[in-house]
Amino acid sequence: MDPQRPTTGLQRPPTRHERDSFYFGLPSRPKLVARSSLTPFHFDGDGWSSDRKTLTVVGDHPIVSKWDDEPSPLRNKILGILAEQDVDWQAIDILRIGYVNKEKPVIVSISVSAPTSWETGNKVAQDCREALVQYGLDDVHCEVKESMLVNSSFAVLRQDYHPHSFNFHPYMYRLSDQLGTAIASRDKPDREGTKGLYLRRTGCEPGEVFALTCRHVCYGASEQDSQLPGKETRPGKSVIQLPEITTKTLVEDLDEWRQELTKDLEKEESKGECYQDRERRSSKITAYQQDIRETDRLLQQFTLRNALDTRVFGHVADWCLIRLKADAHERRLSELSNRVYIGPPQSTLSLMAAGFLPASELQNPKKKLIVGMRGRTSGLTFGLVNQVKSVTRRPITDGQTFISKECCIVGDRANREFTQHGDSGACVFDLNGRAVAMVTGGISRQQVSKGGDDYGLDRAMDVTYATPMEWLLEDMKACGLSMEIL
């Protein structure tokens, strides 16, 4: 056989079982459309004894330079194949995908909209495989799956001034001026995202501070106008901390916790008197009473902010910056810092984010870059930055699409996603505390079932996309906004 000739792939449609279970183990478990490899598929069906798929970064591999370097004939070739087949594709990710605890081959993973026929998907997979072999990448195959590109948005006070026990720290964190708290626009309080880095204009007063987030957290797709220096075409938009869904969930949790404490207190008080246990019982009753008082005080903190106007902490100044209100913070804006809460639930440990990682260091094939993120939904997570940039395709207007390169991040362990819906705008940082990027979206599964019970699969993110902080600051500067990190 000619070694340069690509191996013929799966020349039959996958069975329904293979289509639905091929990616068993990935956070969203997408559906397989077609693949170029002949690797046998095996799945026992019980979910326990079966091997689980996982994905991770590419590492040191020849495809890194052949895909990332400009110009990239390989990347252009694959984009041309997708255009020739008129595929409604969402993203191209190059990752290692395979079974846990086994060798994972490098895969060109193409996400397409449903329904995409096997005939079209198979043609794409085989043509891409042929292109890969042509460029000397014989060990790389192509897989086509049903997934969709999604934004990570969901359809301030200093906590140090409010003494409370460690049990209540996760609730008080939501009221703090730390990064990673939930925000939303005043007019759409149920479209939630995450507050990212604090920035200020270079050379300006320290009291003028901005918070960074994604534009789609504050504006809908139909709101096309922008507000830039000298080009203000729309009024400012108020932004709130403690949006509707987050507030409702927190209050429900606190109410449930108070009911449990009350039951425990009544149970302890109803016990018969025993001399030996008198001191222990008295201590337990006092502790229950104190926790109930603290719960009531914390519930009052949220009740006082029942009106949306009481939660406004700033106003959108352009596509991604929120000008903070001085009277909505207990500490002076000049004293704000980029603190990220990184401790367990009963800890106040935080990381101080300072400076940013140059974009040139993001795709180093010789080094594994570990990053962290605290988002509105996921809380604190860690992940790995892929050495190969992803390519995404977003619809804009009049049937046109916008193709862009993205920084791709995956979870730091098997079967765990780095972000979820609601984490848009979150700051990605490295272990040295440098700002790396801002979360913008990711690849998730399309609707799982029409009956409505999707088991959360269509909310899980297999990969996360983020915009490097250096790119963002350069973009702002090009628009007349010279910004620096606090």
Protein backbone atom coordinates (compact mmCIF):
# COMPACT_ATOMS: atom_id res chain seq x y z
CA MET A 1 0.00 0.00 0.00
CA ASP A 2 1.23 3.49 -0.80
CA PRO A 3 2.19 4.97 2.61
CA GLN A 4 1.25 8.45 1.41
CA ARG A 5 -2.26 7.39 0.48
CA PRO A 6 -4.80 8.01 3.27
CA THR A 7 -6.46 4.99 4.83
CA THR A 8 -10.07 4.58 3.83
CA GLY A 9 -12.32 5.44 6.77
CA LEU A 10 -15.66 4.21 7.95
CA GLN A 11 -17.56 3.76 4.68
CA ARG A 12 -20.89 3.24 6.39
CA PRO A 13 -23.03 5.43 8.62
CA PRO A 14 -22.45 4.87 12.33
CA THR A 15 -25.12 2.81 14.03
CA ARG A 16 -27.51 4.69 16.29
CA HIS A 17 -25.71 3.19 19.26
CA GLU A 18 -22.34 4.36 17.96
CA ARG A 19 -23.66 7.81 17.05
CA ASP A 20 -25.12 8.40 20.52
CA SER A 21 -22.36 6.79 22.63
CA PHE A 22 -19.14 7.37 20.67
CA TYR A 23 -18.27 10.36 22.89
CA PHE A 24 -19.47 8.81 26.14
CA GLY A 25 -17.44 10.48 28.89
CA LEU A 26 -17.15 13.97 27.39
CA PRO A 27 -19.03 16.63 29.42
CA SER A 28 -21.76 17.22 26.79
CA ARG A 29 -21.56 13.79 25.05
CA PRO A 30 -22.10 15.09 21.50
CA LYS A 31 -23.39 12.90 18.67
CA LEU A 32 -20.99 11.48 16.09
CA VAL A 33 -21.74 12.29 12.45
CA ALA A 34 -18.73 10.73 10.70
CA ARG A 35 -15.06 9.89 11.21
CA SER A 36 -12.07 9.02 9.06
CA SER A 37 -10.51 6.48 11.41
CA LEU A 38 -11.12 2.73 11.56
CA THR A 39 -10.59 2.48 15.31
CA PRO A 40 -13.06 -0.11 16.64
CA PHE A 41 -15.88 1.33 18.72
CA HIS A 42 -16.71 -0.51 21.92
CA PHE A 43 -19.27 0.40 24.54
CA ASP A 44 -20.85 -2.01 27.01
CA GLY A 45 -23.87 0.17 27.56
CA ASP A 46 -24.05 0.16 31.33
CA GLY A 47 -21.98 3.31 31.83
CA TRP A 48 -19.89 1.67 34.55
CA SER A 49 -17.67 -0.94 32.93
CA SER A 50 -17.42 0.94 29.64
CA ASP A 51 -14.36 3.01 28.83
CA ARG A 52 -14.97 6.74 28.88
CA LYS A 53 -13.72 9.20 26.30
CA THR A 54 -11.82 12.29 27.39
CA LEU A 55 -10.00 15.12 25.68
CA THR A 56 -6.83 17.01 26.44
CA VAL A 57 -4.34 19.41 24.86
CA VAL A 58 -2.17 18.49 21.87
CA GLY A 59 1.24 19.18 23.42
CA ASP A 60 4.36 18.93 21.27
CA HIS A 61 3.20 17.79 17.80
CA PRO A 62 4.01 18.89 14.21
CA ILE A 63 0.42 20.06 13.69
CA VAL A 64 0.94 22.97 16.11
CA SER A 65 3.15 25.00 13.77
CA LYS A 66 1.43 23.81 10.59
CA TRP A 67 -1.92 25.06 11.93
CA ASP A 68 -1.00 28.12 14.01
CA ASP A 69 1.75 29.74 11.94
CA GLU A 70 0.77 32.35 9.35
CA PRO A 71 0.13 31.72 6.57
CA SER A 72 -1.30 28.24 7.16
CA PRO A 73 -2.00 26.33 3.92
CA LEU A 74 -3.34 23.40 5.98
CA ARG A 75 -5.89 25.53 7.81
CA ASN A 76 -6.95 27.21 4.58
CA LYS A 77 -7.28 23.79 2.90
CA ILE A 78 -9.66 22.49 5.58
CA LEU A 79 -11.68 25.70 5.57
CA GLY A 80 -11.95 25.31 1.80
CA ILE A 81 -13.25 21.73 2.17
CA LEU A 82 -16.00 22.94 4.53
CA ALA A 83 -16.93 25.75 2.16
CA GLU A 84 -17.00 23.38 -0.83
CA GLN A 85 -19.40 21.02 0.98
CA ASP A 86 -21.52 23.98 2.17
CA VAL A 87 -21.43 22.69 5.75
CA ASP A 88 -23.03 24.70 8.54
CA TRP A 89 -20.01 24.26 10.77
CA GLN A 90 -19.56 25.89 14.16
CA ALA A 91 -15.95 25.30 15.18
CA ILE A 92 -12.74 23.42 14.44
CA ASP A 93 -10.80 22.18 17.46
CA ILE A 94 -7.57 20.20 17.32
CA LEU A 95 -7.25 18.11 20.47
CA ARG A 96 -6.23 14.71 21.72
CA ILE A 97 -9.40 12.62 22.09
CA GLY A 98 -9.43 9.05 23.32
CA TYR A 99 -10.15 6.71 26.18
CA VAL A 100 -9.15 7.51 29.76
CA ASN A 101 -5.77 6.01 30.77
CA LYS A 102 -4.97 5.13 27.15
CA GLU A 103 -3.04 6.84 24.37
CA LYS A 104 -5.09 9.64 22.86
CA PRO A 105 -4.54 10.44 19.16
CA VAL A 106 -4.62 13.96 17.78
CA ILE A 107 -8.00 14.65 16.17
CA VAL A 108 -9.25 17.46 13.96
CA SER A 109 -12.68 17.78 15.58
CA ILE A 110 -15.26 19.63 13.48
CA SER A 111 -18.49 20.73 15.17
CA VAL A 112 -21.49 21.02 12.84
CA SER A 113 -25.14 21.94 13.25
CA ALA A 114 -27.88 19.33 13.28
CA PRO A 115 -29.02 17.84 11.05
CA THR A 116 -25.90 17.18 8.98
CA SER A 117 -26.12 14.02 6.88
CA TRP A 118 -23.60 11.21 7.18
CA GLU A 119 -22.87 11.53 3.45
CA THR A 120 -21.80 15.16 3.88
CA GLY A 121 -19.97 14.50 7.13
CA ASN A 122 -18.14 11.50 5.69
CA LYS A 123 -17.04 13.48 2.63
CA VAL A 124 -15.67 16.19 4.92
CA ALA A 125 -13.90 13.68 7.18
CA GLN A 126 -12.28 11.80 4.28
CA ASP A 127 -11.21 14.97 2.44
CA CYS A 128 -9.74 16.44 5.63
CA ARG A 129 -7.90 13.20 6.33
CA GLU A 130 -6.45 13.29 2.83
CA ALA A 131 -5.28 16.88 3.41
CA LEU A 132 -3.68 15.92 6.72
CA VAL A 133 -1.73 13.08 5.10
CA GLN A 134 -0.72 15.45 2.30
CA TYR A 135 0.91 17.72 4.90
CA GLY A 136 2.75 14.84 6.57
CA LEU A 137 0.32 14.35 9.47
CA ASP A 138 -0.36 10.64 8.96
CA ASP A 139 -1.21 10.08 12.63
CA VAL A 140 -4.01 12.67 12.69
CA HIS A 141 -7.64 11.82 11.84
CA CYS A 142 -10.80 13.87 11.44
CA GLU A 143 -14.08 13.51 13.34
CA VAL A 144 -17.34 15.36 12.62
CA LYS A 145 -19.83 15.75 15.47
CA GLU A 146 -23.05 17.60 16.26
CA SER A 147 -22.24 20.49 18.61
CA MET A 148 -23.03 24.17 18.76
CA LEU A 149 -21.00 27.27 19.47
CA VAL A 150 -22.54 29.06 22.45
CA ASN A 151 -21.89 32.20 24.42
CA SER A 152 -21.28 31.57 28.10
CA SER A 153 -23.85 34.08 29.39
CA PHE A 154 -26.86 32.66 31.24
CA ALA A 155 -30.67 33.04 29.52
CA VAL A 156 -20.80 45.68 45.37
CA LEU A 157 -19.97 45.51 48.45
CA ARG A 158 -16.85 44.67 50.49
CA GLN A 159 -17.47 41.51 52.44
CA ASP A 160 -14.83 42.37 55.07
CA TYR A 161 -17.22 44.88 56.64
CA HIS A 162 -19.80 42.17 57.42
CA PRO A 163 -18.52 39.76 60.10
CA HIS A 164 -19.93 36.27 59.67
CA SER A 165 -18.99 32.66 60.30
CA PHE A 166 -17.11 30.64 57.68
CA ASN A 167 -20.31 28.72 56.86
CA PHE A 168 -21.74 31.86 55.26
CA HIS A 169 -18.69 32.94 53.27
CA PRO A 170 -19.92 31.50 49.92
CA TYR A 171 -23.06 33.65 50.28
CA MET A 172 -21.27 36.84 51.33
CA TYR A 173 -18.85 36.37 48.43
CA ARG A 174 -21.75 37.14 46.08
CA LEU A 175 -22.01 40.59 47.70
CA SER A 176 -18.29 41.31 47.49
CA ASP A 177 -16.19 43.37 45.09
CA GLN A 178 -14.05 40.34 44.19
CA LEU A 179 -13.86 39.00 40.65
CA GLY A 180 -16.07 36.14 39.45
CA THR A 181 -19.40 37.35 40.85
CA ALA A 182 -22.63 37.18 38.84
CA ILE A 183 -23.77 40.26 36.90
CA ALA A 184 -26.44 41.17 34.33
CA SER A 185 -27.79 44.24 32.57
CA ARG A 186 -30.54 46.14 34.42
CA ASP A 187 -33.00 45.65 31.56
CA LYS A 188 -32.29 41.89 31.21
CA PRO A 189 -31.65 40.72 34.80
CA ASP A 190 -32.07 37.03 33.89
CA ARG A 191 -29.29 37.04 31.25
CA GLU A 192 -26.40 36.46 33.61
CA GLY A 193 -22.66 36.52 33.13
CA THR A 194 -19.51 37.02 35.18
CA LYS A 195 -17.64 40.13 36.31
CA GLY A 196 -14.06 39.99 35.05
CA LEU A 197 -10.99 42.16 35.61
CA TYR A 198 -10.95 45.72 36.93
CA LEU A 199 -9.28 48.17 34.55
CA ARG A 200 -8.61 51.89 34.48
CA ARG A 201 -7.62 54.34 31.77
CA THR A 202 -3.89 54.83 31.48
CA GLY A 203 -2.82 58.08 33.11
CA CYS A 204 -6.32 58.93 34.39
CA GLU A 205 -7.70 59.45 37.89
CA PRO A 206 -7.49 56.30 40.06
CA GLY A 207 -11.11 56.82 41.08
CA GLU A 208 -12.43 56.00 37.59
CA VAL A 209 -12.52 52.22 37.40
CA PHE A 210 -14.06 49.83 34.86
CA ALA A 211 -15.02 46.16 35.11
CA LEU A 212 -14.46 43.95 32.06
CA THR A 213 -17.02 41.47 30.75
CA CYS A 214 -18.33 40.13 27.43
CA ARG A 215 -20.56 42.34 25.31
CA HIS A 216 -23.20 39.60 24.97
CA VAL A 217 -23.67 39.61 28.76
CA CYS A 218 -24.98 43.19 28.58
CA TYR A 219 -26.32 43.46 25.03
CA GLY A 220 -28.45 41.18 22.90
CA ALA A 221 -27.52 40.19 19.36
CA SER A 222 -29.99 42.72 17.91
CA GLU A 223 -28.41 45.66 19.77
CA GLN A 224 -25.81 46.59 17.19
CA ASP A 225 -24.91 50.13 18.26
CA SER A 226 -21.74 50.85 20.19
CA GLN A 227 -20.69 53.53 22.61
CA LEU A 228 -17.12 54.69 22.09
CA PRO A 229 -15.37 58.00 22.77
CA GLY A 230 -16.78 60.55 20.34
CA LYS A 231 -19.16 57.98 18.84
CA GLU A 232 -21.85 57.60 21.52
CA THR A 233 -24.94 56.42 19.66
CA ARG A 234 -26.99 55.05 22.54
CA PRO A 235 -27.60 55.90 26.22
CA GLY A 236 -25.59 54.12 28.90
CA LYS A 237 -26.93 50.85 30.27
CA SER A 238 -27.01 50.00 33.97
CA VAL A 239 -25.44 46.75 35.14
CA ILE A 240 -26.39 44.94 38.34
CA GLN A 241 -24.65 42.55 40.69
CA LEU A 242 -26.90 39.87 42.25
CA PRO A 243 -29.00 39.19 39.12
CA GLU A 244 -32.41 37.52 39.32
CA ILE A 245 -31.55 33.82 38.98
CA THR A 246 -28.55 34.04 41.31
CA THR A 247 -30.51 35.96 43.96
CA LYS A 248 -33.45 33.54 43.81
CA THR A 249 -31.14 30.53 44.23
CA LEU A 250 -29.24 32.09 47.14
CA VAL A 251 -32.40 33.07 49.01
CA GLU A 252 -33.93 29.61 48.51
CA ASP A 253 -30.74 27.97 49.83
CA LEU A 254 -30.69 30.23 52.88
CA ASP A 255 -34.39 29.65 53.59
CA GLU A 256 -33.85 25.89 53.43
CA TRP A 257 -30.80 26.16 55.69
CA ARG A 258 -32.79 28.22 58.24
CA GLN A 259 -35.57 25.63 58.29
CA GLU A 260 -33.05 22.85 58.98
CA LEU A 261 -31.45 24.86 61.78
CA THR A 262 -34.85 25.54 63.35
CA LYS A 263 -35.74 21.83 63.30
CA ASP A 264 -32.39 20.93 64.88
CA LEU A 265 -32.88 23.58 67.57
CA GLU A 266 -36.40 22.39 68.41
CA LYS A 267 -35.20 18.79 68.54
CA GLU A 268 -32.38 19.68 70.94
CA GLU A 269 -34.65 21.77 73.18
CA SER A 270 -37.22 18.95 73.41
CA LYS A 271 -34.74 16.46 74.84
CA GLY A 272 -35.05 15.51 78.50
CA GLU A 273 -32.75 17.19 81.01
CA CYS A 274 -29.58 15.27 81.81
CA TYR A 275 -27.00 16.69 84.22
CA GLN A 276 -24.00 15.20 82.44
CA ASP A 277 -25.11 16.56 79.05
CA ARG A 278 -26.27 19.98 80.30
CA GLU A 279 -23.15 21.87 79.20
CA ARG A 280 -22.98 20.13 75.81
CA ARG A 281 -26.70 20.74 75.13
CA SER A 282 -26.41 24.36 76.17
CA SER A 283 -23.49 24.85 73.80
CA LYS A 284 -25.35 23.23 70.87
CA ILE A 285 -28.51 25.30 71.49
CA THR A 286 -26.44 28.50 71.61
CA ALA A 287 -24.72 27.56 68.33
CA TYR A 288 -28.07 26.86 66.59
CA GLN A 289 -29.49 30.17 67.82
CA GLN A 290 -26.43 32.05 66.60
CA ASP A 291 -26.57 30.41 63.14
CA ILE A 292 -30.28 31.25 62.84
CA ARG A 293 -29.57 34.90 63.71
CA GLU A 294 -26.76 35.01 61.14
CA THR A 295 -29.01 33.43 58.51
CA ASP A 296 -31.71 36.04 59.20
CA ARG A 297 -29.14 38.83 58.95
CA LEU A 298 -27.83 37.47 55.66
CA LEU A 299 -31.34 37.04 54.25
CA GLN A 300 -31.93 40.69 55.11
CA GLN A 301 -28.86 41.63 53.05
CA PHE A 302 -30.57 40.14 49.98
CA THR A 303 -34.05 41.40 50.89
CA LEU A 304 -32.76 44.97 51.08
CA ARG A 305 -31.64 44.55 47.47
CA ASN A 306 -35.00 43.30 46.24
CA ALA A 307 -35.40 46.27 43.89
CA LEU A 308 -33.11 46.03 40.87
CA ASP A 309 -32.03 49.66 41.22
CA THR A 310 -30.39 48.83 44.56
CA ARG A 311 -28.11 46.32 42.80
CA VAL A 312 -26.72 48.67 40.14
CA PHE A 313 -22.94 48.83 40.55
CA GLY A 314 -21.99 50.45 37.23
CA HIS A 315 -22.93 51.35 33.67
CA VAL A 316 -21.79 49.88 30.36
CA ALA A 317 -19.35 52.30 28.77
CA ASP A 318 -18.74 50.33 25.56
CA TRP A 319 -18.94 46.79 24.21
CA CYS A 320 -17.19 45.21 27.19
CA LEU A 321 -16.44 47.80 29.89
CA ILE A 322 -18.62 48.77 32.85
CA ARG A 323 -17.94 52.14 34.47
CA LEU A 324 -18.28 51.55 38.22
CA LYS A 325 -20.47 53.68 40.51
CA ALA A 326 -18.55 54.99 43.49
CA ASP A 327 -21.62 55.04 45.77
CA ALA A 328 -22.36 51.35 45.08
CA HIS A 329 -19.16 50.16 46.76
CA GLU A 330 -18.20 50.29 50.43
CA ARG A 331 -14.52 50.84 49.67
CA ARG A 332 -13.18 53.66 47.52
CA LEU A 333 -12.78 52.72 43.86
CA SER A 334 -9.12 53.73 44.06
CA GLU A 335 -8.69 50.94 46.64
CA LEU A 336 -10.18 48.17 44.50
CA SER A 337 -7.95 45.32 43.43
CA ASN A 338 -8.30 42.23 41.27
CA ARG A 339 -8.87 39.67 44.02
CA VAL A 340 -10.12 36.21 43.07
CA TYR A 341 -11.59 34.00 45.79
CA ILE A 342 -9.73 30.68 45.45
CA GLY A 343 -10.35 28.98 48.78
CA PRO A 344 -12.72 26.16 49.72
CA PRO A 345 -16.24 27.11 50.96
CA GLN A 346 -15.09 27.82 54.54
CA SER A 347 -12.04 29.89 53.58
CA THR A 348 -11.39 33.53 52.72
CA LEU A 349 -8.25 32.77 50.69
CA SER A 350 -7.93 34.92 47.58
CA LEU A 351 -5.43 35.43 44.76
CA MET A 352 -4.34 38.89 43.64
CA ALA A 353 -4.39 39.06 39.83
CA ALA A 354 -1.74 41.45 38.47
CA GLY A 355 -0.30 42.00 35.00
CA PHE A 356 -1.08 39.81 32.02
CA LEU A 357 0.48 36.89 30.17
CA PRO A 358 1.74 37.84 26.69
CA ALA A 359 -0.26 36.12 23.94
CA SER A 360 2.99 34.76 22.51
CA GLU A 361 3.33 32.48 25.55
CA LEU A 362 -0.11 30.89 25.21
CA GLN A 363 0.68 28.28 22.56
CA ASN A 364 4.07 26.96 23.67
CA PRO A 365 4.18 23.26 22.63
CA LYS A 366 7.04 22.59 25.04
CA LYS A 367 5.16 23.79 28.10
CA LYS A 368 1.84 22.84 29.71
CA LEU A 369 0.05 26.05 30.73
CA ILE A 370 -2.27 25.51 33.71
CA VAL A 371 -4.87 28.24 34.23
CA GLY A 372 -7.68 28.96 36.67
CA MET A 373 -11.03 30.72 36.48
CA ARG A 374 -13.80 31.70 38.89
CA GLY A 375 -17.14 32.05 37.14
CA ARG A 376 -20.73 32.79 38.05
CA THR A 377 -21.80 29.16 37.49
CA SER A 378 -18.70 26.97 37.73
CA GLY A 379 -17.06 28.63 40.71
CA LEU A 380 -13.34 27.91 40.85
CA THR A 381 -12.00 25.58 38.13
CA PHE A 382 -8.64 24.81 36.56
CA GLY A 383 -7.78 23.89 32.99
CA LEU A 384 -5.11 23.56 30.32
CA VAL A 385 -4.53 25.93 27.40
CA ASN A 386 -4.37 24.03 24.12
CA GLN A 387 -1.26 24.57 22.00
CA VAL A 388 -3.36 24.78 18.81
CA LYS A 389 -5.76 27.66 18.21
CA SER A 390 -9.37 26.78 17.44
CA VAL A 391 -11.33 28.33 14.59
CA THR A 392 -14.96 29.38 15.09
CA ARG A 393 -17.68 30.52 12.72
CA ARG A 394 -20.42 32.85 13.97
CA PRO A 395 -23.40 34.23 12.05
CA ILE A 396 -23.59 38.02 11.97
CA THR A 397 -26.09 39.75 9.66
CA ASP A 398 -27.71 39.15 6.27
CA GLY A 399 -26.59 35.52 6.16
CA GLN A 400 -22.93 36.45 6.55
CA THR A 401 -20.61 34.67 8.95
CA PHE A 402 -17.53 35.74 10.88
CA ILE A 403 -14.59 33.32 11.14
CA SER A 404 -12.09 33.88 13.93
CA LYS A 405 -9.25 32.16 15.77
CA GLU A 406 -9.80 31.39 19.45
CA CYS A 407 -7.73 30.41 22.45
CA CYS A 408 -8.96 26.91 23.41
CA ILE A 409 -9.04 25.69 27.04
CA VAL A 410 -10.05 22.24 28.36
CA GLY A 411 -10.58 20.96 31.90
CA ASP A 412 -7.56 19.89 33.91
CA ARG A 413 -8.93 16.41 34.53
CA ALA A 414 -10.91 13.81 32.59
CA ASN A 415 -14.63 14.42 32.08
CA ARG A 416 -14.59 17.85 33.73
CA GLU A 417 -15.46 21.03 31.88
CA PHE A 418 -13.56 24.27 32.46
CA THR A 419 -16.62 26.53 32.19
CA GLN A 420 -20.41 26.40 32.01
CA HIS A 421 -23.17 28.72 30.85
CA GLY A 422 -23.04 31.93 32.89
CA ASP A 423 -19.24 32.17 33.03
CA SER A 424 -18.92 34.68 30.17
CA GLY A 425 -16.63 37.54 31.10
CA ALA A 426 -14.72 35.61 33.75
CA CYS A 427 -11.00 36.28 34.02
CA VAL A 428 -8.69 33.35 33.23
CA PHE A 429 -5.46 33.58 35.25
CA ASP A 430 -2.25 31.57 35.47
CA LEU A 431 -0.70 30.17 38.65
CA ASN A 432 1.42 33.32 39.00
CA GLY A 433 -1.70 35.49 39.18
CA ARG A 434 -1.32 37.00 35.70
CA ALA A 435 -4.46 37.66 33.67
CA VAL A 436 -4.46 35.31 30.68
CA ALA A 437 -7.77 35.80 28.89
CA MET A 438 -11.51 36.47 29.18
CA VAL A 439 -14.04 33.65 28.79
CA THR A 440 -16.33 34.22 25.79
CA GLY A 441 -18.01 30.90 24.95
CA GLY A 442 -17.47 27.28 24.09
CA ILE A 443 -18.68 24.15 22.37
CA SER A 444 -21.73 22.44 23.84
CA ARG A 445 -24.22 19.80 22.78
CA GLN A 446 -27.37 20.77 20.98
CA GLN A 447 -30.77 19.97 22.51
CA VAL A 448 -30.70 16.43 23.84
CA SER A 449 -34.38 15.61 24.01
CA LYS A 450 -37.55 17.36 22.98
CA GLY A 451 -39.19 16.21 26.19
CA GLY A 452 -37.16 18.71 28.14
CA ASP A 453 -35.13 16.36 30.37
CA ASP A 454 -31.62 16.80 29.02
CA TYR A 455 -29.78 15.80 32.22
CA GLY A 456 -27.75 19.00 31.87
CA LEU A 457 -25.84 17.73 28.84
CA ASP A 458 -26.75 20.71 26.66
CA ARG A 459 -25.33 23.03 29.33
CA ALA A 460 -21.96 21.27 29.60
CA MET A 461 -18.99 22.71 27.71
CA ASP A 462 -16.54 20.29 26.11
CA VAL A 463 -14.10 23.11 25.32
CA THR A 464 -13.95 26.76 26.34
CA TYR A 465 -13.02 29.70 24.13
CA ALA A 466 -11.32 32.77 25.55
CA THR A 467 -9.89 36.00 24.17
CA PRO A 468 -6.29 36.68 25.29
CA MET A 469 -6.02 39.70 27.58
CA GLU A 470 -3.29 41.22 25.40
CA TRP A 471 -5.64 41.12 22.39
CA LEU A 472 -8.41 42.81 24.40
CA LEU A 473 -6.19 45.65 25.60
CA GLU A 474 -4.89 46.19 22.04
CA ASP A 475 -8.46 46.20 20.73
CA MET A 476 -9.51 48.82 23.28
CA LYS A 477 -6.50 50.96 22.40
CA ALA A 478 -7.43 50.81 18.71
CA CYS A 479 -10.86 52.15 19.70
CA GLY A 480 -9.34 55.07 21.60
CA LEU A 481 -9.35 53.46 25.06
CA SER A 482 -5.88 52.99 26.52
CA MET A 483 -6.53 50.74 29.52
CA GLU A 484 -4.37 49.11 32.18
CA ILE A 485 -5.02 46.42 34.78
CA LEU A 486 -5.41 47.68 38.36
